[in-house]
Amino acid sequence: MGKTRKRSAILAVASRLFAEKGYANTPTSEIAREAGVAEGTLYHHFDSKDGIFLSIFNETVDGYIAGVENLIGRGKNGRESLLDLIRHHFDYLRAHEAQFLTILRESPERIGRRKTASSAVRRKKLSRLTGQMTEILERGSADGSLLLRYSARDTAEMLRGILYGTTRHRMLGIIDVPLPRLAEMLTDFCRHALTPPPKGRAERHGGEKH
């Protein structure tokens, strides 16, 4: 097994075990054994168990961000790009369920509460997602495919919160709706909530006070 394959095997096994048993209950010896490598080999690739978690976080989030980056400007308008982003979120989630569950469980402790340079970089990665959503919403507002009642940045923060909250509740078993159904529901919600009304309806209600 080559170095790259050994590293990938370690991360795959660690993601599964962290998701199944929890980070604290998963010793590196078990990760190494199930990955088919010596524990010394594990420490050759990662300086600690925390290093394994941070690699899972970085690679999962970087892949997600790269996917969103490809969506920006690809749709025929901002609304289509936004709906594509929601679909991408759930497609990526289904393909990386163990990694997402590990991140959801462990990030508050290992990313959110630590005041280190590396944790600041990782928090910046998460804020980049808000920036990407903001860019898509601004495009939709400019091309007329989205109606924003609040600033693009605030709307992006809200949508990111909806995606995070829905994902967290689904992954932790708090809600029991299949991921494809959640994707359908959220795309439908955003389509109706942010699509401008037909021109005639807008004109009829233009003089009304609310």
Protein backbone atom coordinates (compact mmCIF):
# COMPACT_ATOMS: atom_id res chain seq x y z
CA MET A 1 0.00 0.00 0.00
CA GLY A 2 1.50 3.34 -1.07
CA LYS A 3 1.80 6.37 1.20
CA THR A 4 -1.19 8.14 -0.33
CA ARG A 5 -3.37 5.05 -0.05
CA LYS A 6 -2.28 4.47 3.57
CA ARG A 7 -3.16 8.04 4.49
CA SER A 8 -6.53 7.79 2.74
CA ALA A 9 -7.25 4.47 4.47
CA ILE A 10 -6.45 5.95 7.87
CA LEU A 11 -8.76 8.92 7.26
CA ALA A 12 -11.58 6.71 5.96
CA VAL A 13 -11.39 4.37 8.95
CA ALA A 14 -11.05 7.23 11.43
CA SER A 15 -14.09 8.99 9.96
CA ARG A 16 -16.17 5.85 10.31
CA LEU A 17 -15.02 5.06 13.84
CA PHE A 18 -15.38 8.66 15.05
CA ALA A 19 -18.93 8.68 13.64
CA GLU A 20 -19.82 5.30 15.16
CA LYS A 21 -18.09 5.51 18.55
CA GLY A 22 -17.18 9.14 19.06
CA TYR A 23 -13.76 10.79 18.98
CA ALA A 24 -12.96 10.23 22.65
CA ASN A 25 -13.83 6.52 22.50
CA THR A 26 -11.67 5.76 19.46
CA PRO A 27 -7.99 5.00 20.21
CA THR A 28 -5.39 5.42 17.50
CA SER A 29 -4.44 1.76 17.92
CA GLU A 30 -7.90 0.74 16.71
CA ILE A 31 -7.75 3.13 13.78
CA ALA A 32 -4.37 1.72 12.73
CA ARG A 33 -5.50 -1.89 13.11
CA GLU A 34 -8.65 -1.44 11.02
CA ALA A 35 -6.77 0.59 8.42
CA GLY A 36 -4.25 -2.25 8.09
CA VAL A 37 -1.21 -0.21 9.13
CA ALA A 38 1.14 -0.11 12.09
CA GLU A 39 0.41 2.54 14.71
CA GLY A 40 3.84 4.01 13.99
CA THR A 41 2.78 4.45 10.36
CA LEU A 42 -0.30 6.33 11.52
CA TYR A 43 1.89 8.73 13.48
CA HIS A 44 4.15 9.12 10.45
CA HIS A 45 1.22 10.64 8.57
CA PHE A 46 -0.45 12.44 11.48
CA ASP A 47 1.25 13.84 14.56
CA SER A 48 -1.73 13.07 16.82
CA LYS A 49 -5.34 11.91 16.89
CA ASP A 50 -6.28 15.58 16.82
CA GLY A 51 -4.27 15.86 13.62
CA ILE A 52 -6.42 13.13 12.09
CA PHE A 53 -9.60 15.01 13.00
CA LEU A 54 -8.25 18.28 11.60
CA SER A 55 -7.34 16.55 8.33
CA ILE A 56 -10.88 15.16 8.09
CA PHE A 57 -12.24 18.65 8.73
CA ASN A 58 -9.95 20.38 6.23
CA GLU A 59 -10.40 17.90 3.40
CA THR A 60 -14.16 17.67 3.82
CA VAL A 61 -14.71 21.42 4.03
CA ASP A 62 -12.25 22.17 1.21
CA GLY A 63 -14.08 19.73 -1.07
CA TYR A 64 -17.42 21.29 -0.18
CA ILE A 65 -16.14 24.82 -0.82
CA ALA A 66 -14.62 23.78 -4.15
CA GLY A 67 -17.97 22.36 -5.22
CA VAL A 68 -19.76 25.60 -4.34
CA GLU A 69 -17.07 27.60 -6.16
CA ASN A 70 -17.86 25.66 -9.32
CA LEU A 71 -21.54 26.61 -8.99
CA ILE A 72 -21.00 30.37 -8.78
CA GLY A 73 -21.92 31.86 -12.12
CA ARG A 74 -22.68 28.47 -13.69
CA GLY A 75 -26.48 28.64 -13.56
CA LYS A 76 -28.45 30.77 -15.96
CA ASN A 77 -29.21 33.17 -13.08
CA GLY A 78 -28.66 33.62 -9.37
CA ARG A 79 -31.75 31.66 -8.38
CA GLU A 80 -30.63 28.59 -10.32
CA SER A 81 -27.17 28.82 -8.75
CA LEU A 82 -28.72 29.03 -5.28
CA LEU A 83 -30.91 25.97 -5.87
CA ASP A 84 -27.88 24.14 -7.27
CA LEU A 85 -25.97 25.03 -4.09
CA ILE A 86 -28.68 23.46 -1.91
CA ARG A 87 -28.65 20.29 -4.04
CA HIS A 88 -24.85 20.23 -3.85
CA HIS A 89 -25.04 20.49 -0.06
CA PHE A 90 -27.16 17.39 0.29
CA ASP A 91 -25.41 15.42 -2.46
CA TYR A 92 -22.04 16.10 -0.80
CA LEU A 93 -23.50 15.26 2.59
CA ARG A 94 -24.73 11.87 1.38
CA ALA A 95 -21.29 11.12 -0.08
CA HIS A 96 -19.47 12.13 3.15
CA GLU A 97 -21.89 11.24 5.94
CA ALA A 98 -19.27 9.89 8.37
CA GLN A 99 -17.06 12.94 7.91
CA PHE A 100 -19.97 15.35 8.38
CA LEU A 101 -21.18 13.58 11.51
CA THR A 102 -17.67 13.70 12.98
CA ILE A 103 -17.35 17.41 12.18
CA LEU A 104 -20.79 18.23 13.60
CA ARG A 105 -20.01 16.44 16.86
CA GLU A 106 -16.44 17.57 17.39
CA SER A 107 -16.11 21.02 15.78
CA PRO A 108 -17.60 23.02 18.68
CA GLU A 109 -14.91 21.60 20.97
CA ARG A 110 -11.98 21.33 18.58
CA ILE A 111 -12.60 24.34 16.32
CA GLY A 112 -15.08 26.77 17.86
CA ARG A 113 -13.69 27.16 21.39
CA ARG A 114 -9.98 27.14 20.68
CA LYS A 115 -8.19 30.44 20.24
CA THR A 116 -5.27 29.32 18.07
CA ALA A 117 -4.01 30.38 14.66
CA SER A 118 -5.08 27.09 13.08
CA SER A 119 -8.60 27.28 14.52
CA ALA A 120 -8.89 30.85 13.22
CA VAL A 121 -7.98 29.59 9.74
CA ARG A 122 -10.65 26.89 9.95
CA ARG A 123 -13.30 29.32 11.14
CA LYS A 124 -12.35 31.51 8.20
CA LYS A 125 -13.04 28.58 5.88
CA LEU A 126 -16.55 28.29 7.29
CA SER A 127 -17.14 32.03 6.87
CA ARG A 128 -16.05 31.63 3.24
CA LEU A 129 -19.25 29.65 2.71
CA THR A 130 -21.25 32.70 3.77
CA GLY A 131 -19.25 34.76 1.29
CA GLN A 132 -20.03 32.32 -1.51
CA MET A 133 -23.75 32.37 -0.70
CA THR A 134 -23.66 36.17 -0.55
CA GLU A 135 -22.12 36.28 -4.01
CA ILE A 136 -24.84 34.04 -5.42
CA LEU A 137 -27.61 36.06 -3.75
CA GLU A 138 -26.16 39.35 -5.01
CA ARG A 139 -26.10 37.93 -8.52
CA GLY A 140 -29.75 36.86 -8.23
CA SER A 141 -30.78 40.25 -6.89
CA ALA A 142 -28.96 41.98 -9.74
CA ASP A 143 -30.42 39.78 -12.49
CA GLY A 144 -33.93 39.92 -11.02
CA SER A 145 -34.29 36.20 -10.32
CA LEU A 146 -34.25 36.69 -6.52
CA LEU A 147 -36.11 39.13 -4.30
CA LEU A 148 -34.13 39.92 -1.17
CA ARG A 149 -35.98 41.67 1.66
CA TYR A 150 -32.79 41.92 3.69
CA SER A 151 -29.15 42.37 2.75
CA ALA A 152 -27.50 39.60 0.76
CA ARG A 153 -25.05 38.99 3.62
CA ASP A 154 -27.77 38.67 6.25
CA THR A 155 -29.82 36.42 3.99
CA ALA A 156 -26.75 34.26 3.38
CA GLU A 157 -26.14 33.95 7.13
CA MET A 158 -29.74 32.84 7.60
CA LEU A 159 -29.57 30.27 4.79
CA ARG A 160 -26.30 28.90 6.08
CA GLY A 161 -27.92 28.55 9.49
CA ILE A 162 -30.89 26.70 7.97
CA LEU A 163 -28.60 24.30 6.11
CA TYR A 164 -26.42 23.73 9.17
CA GLY A 165 -29.35 23.29 11.55
CA THR A 166 -31.23 20.96 9.22
CA THR A 167 -28.09 18.92 8.59
CA ARG A 168 -27.24 18.70 12.29
CA HIS A 169 -30.73 17.62 13.30
CA ARG A 170 -30.86 15.01 10.53
CA MET A 171 -27.41 13.60 11.25
CA LEU A 172 -28.03 13.39 15.00
CA GLY A 173 -31.40 11.70 14.49
CA ILE A 174 -33.47 14.59 15.87
CA ILE A 175 -35.55 14.70 12.69
CA ASP A 176 -36.30 11.66 10.58
CA VAL A 177 -36.67 12.94 7.03
CA PRO A 178 -34.57 11.32 4.26
CA LEU A 179 -31.81 13.54 2.89
CA PRO A 180 -33.23 13.60 -0.68
CA ARG A 181 -36.57 14.75 0.74
CA LEU A 182 -34.89 17.48 2.80
CA ALA A 183 -33.08 18.69 -0.31
CA GLU A 184 -36.37 18.83 -2.20
CA MET A 185 -38.12 20.66 0.65
CA LEU A 186 -35.40 23.29 1.07
CA THR A 187 -35.06 23.99 -2.64
CA ASP A 188 -38.84 24.39 -2.84
CA PHE A 189 -38.84 26.67 0.21
CA CYS A 190 -36.11 28.94 -1.21
CA ARG A 191 -37.73 28.98 -4.63
CA HIS A 192 -40.98 30.28 -3.17
CA ALA A 193 -39.52 32.53 -0.48
CA LEU A 194 -37.00 34.36 -2.66
CA THR A 195 -38.55 34.38 -6.14
CA PRO A 196 -40.02 37.77 -7.11
CA PRO A 197 -43.81 37.77 -7.59
CA PRO A 198 -45.17 37.88 -11.15
CA LYS A 199 -45.11 41.37 -12.61
CA GLY A 200 -48.88 41.78 -12.61
CA ARG A 201 -49.17 40.79 -8.95
CA ALA A 202 -46.36 43.15 -7.98
CA GLU A 203 -48.13 46.00 -9.78
CA ARG A 204 -51.49 45.22 -8.11
CA HIS A 205 -49.91 45.29 -4.63
CA GLY A 206 -47.48 48.08 -5.35
CA GLY A 207 -49.64 50.77 -3.71
CA GLU A 208 -50.68 48.76 -0.67
CA LYS A 209 -49.19 49.41 2.74
CA HIS A 210 -48.08 46.49 4.86
